[in-house]
Amino acid sequence: MITPNKVVSIENSALGLVSTIIEQGPDPLGLVKLYHIVSKNFESIDQFLLAIDLLFVLGCIDLDAQTGEVNYVG
């Protein structure tokens, strides 16, 4: 789930989990390496990708398609 509701707490929603990704910045990281670092906080890779998508849409990160690196937007 993206947002919390009666069943999903804020800590388990994509909105609540984006902070674990942001905390890994500001240095660029490969997407796979980033997932390995924060994977213990996510139930599945789908949940991780949803959080990545959310950060991208909000303009907090940018993904370099050639290098596969996540760049944190300052």
Protein backbone atom coordinates (compact mmCIF):
# COMPACT_ATOMS: atom_id res chain seq x y z
CA MET A 1 0.00 0.00 0.00
CA ILE A 2 1.14 3.50 -0.75
CA THR A 3 -0.70 5.22 2.05
CA PRO A 4 -1.62 3.99 5.52
CA ASN A 5 -5.15 2.91 6.34
CA LYS A 6 -6.96 0.86 9.01
CA VAL A 7 -5.07 -2.29 8.01
CA VAL A 8 -1.67 -0.89 6.94
CA SER A 9 0.23 1.20 9.49
CA ILE A 10 2.31 4.20 8.45
CA GLU A 11 5.50 2.21 9.14
CA ASN A 12 4.47 -0.51 6.68
CA SER A 13 3.18 1.75 3.92
CA ALA A 14 5.33 2.91 1.01
CA LEU A 15 4.91 6.45 2.30
CA GLY A 16 6.40 5.45 5.64
CA LEU A 17 9.20 3.33 4.16
CA VAL A 18 10.63 5.98 1.83
CA SER A 19 12.67 7.34 4.71
CA THR A 20 14.78 4.16 4.78
CA ILE A 21 15.76 4.86 1.17
CA ILE A 22 16.38 8.57 1.71
CA GLU A 23 18.66 7.83 4.68
CA GLN A 24 21.10 6.05 2.34
CA GLY A 25 21.89 9.28 0.45
CA PRO A 26 23.22 11.70 -0.60
CA ASP A 27 25.85 9.69 -2.49
CA PRO A 28 24.61 7.87 -5.62
CA LEU A 29 24.03 4.12 -5.20
CA GLY A 30 23.29 1.36 -7.67
CA LEU A 31 19.66 0.30 -7.53
CA VAL A 32 20.55 -3.34 -6.76
CA LYS A 33 23.03 -2.34 -4.05
CA LEU A 34 20.45 0.01 -2.54
CA TYR A 35 17.91 -2.80 -2.42
CA HIS A 36 20.38 -5.12 -0.68
CA ILE A 37 21.07 -2.44 1.94
CA VAL A 38 17.42 -1.70 2.76
CA SER A 39 15.75 -5.02 1.87
CA LYS A 40 15.31 -6.02 5.52
CA ASN A 41 12.87 -3.12 5.88
CA PHE A 42 10.65 -4.19 2.96
CA GLU A 43 8.34 -7.21 2.72
CA SER A 44 9.08 -7.68 -0.99
CA ILE A 45 10.85 -6.12 -3.92
CA ASP A 46 7.46 -4.89 -5.12
CA GLN A 47 7.12 -2.78 -1.99
CA PHE A 48 10.66 -1.43 -2.51
CA LEU A 49 9.93 -0.50 -6.13
CA LEU A 50 6.72 1.22 -5.09
CA ALA A 51 8.72 3.35 -2.64
CA ILE A 52 11.31 4.10 -5.36
CA ASP A 53 8.51 5.12 -7.74
CA LEU A 54 7.01 7.37 -5.08
CA LEU A 55 10.34 9.10 -4.46
CA PHE A 56 10.85 9.54 -8.20
CA VAL A 57 7.40 11.06 -8.71
CA LEU A 58 7.97 13.41 -5.77
CA GLY A 59 11.26 14.53 -7.32
CA CYS A 60 13.41 13.28 -4.44
CA ILE A 61 15.50 10.90 -6.55
CA ASP A 62 16.54 10.48 -10.13
CA LEU A 63 17.57 7.22 -11.79
CA ASP A 64 20.44 7.16 -14.27
CA ALA A 65 19.33 4.54 -16.80
CA GLN A 66 22.85 4.00 -18.17
CA THR A 67 24.59 3.36 -14.85
CA GLY A 68 21.61 2.08 -12.88
CA GLU A 69 22.41 4.50 -10.07
CA VAL A 70 19.93 6.28 -7.85
CA ASN A 71 20.88 9.95 -7.52
CA TYR A 72 19.47 11.92 -4.63
CA VAL A 73 18.13 15.33 -5.61
CA GLY A 74 19.28 18.00 -3.17
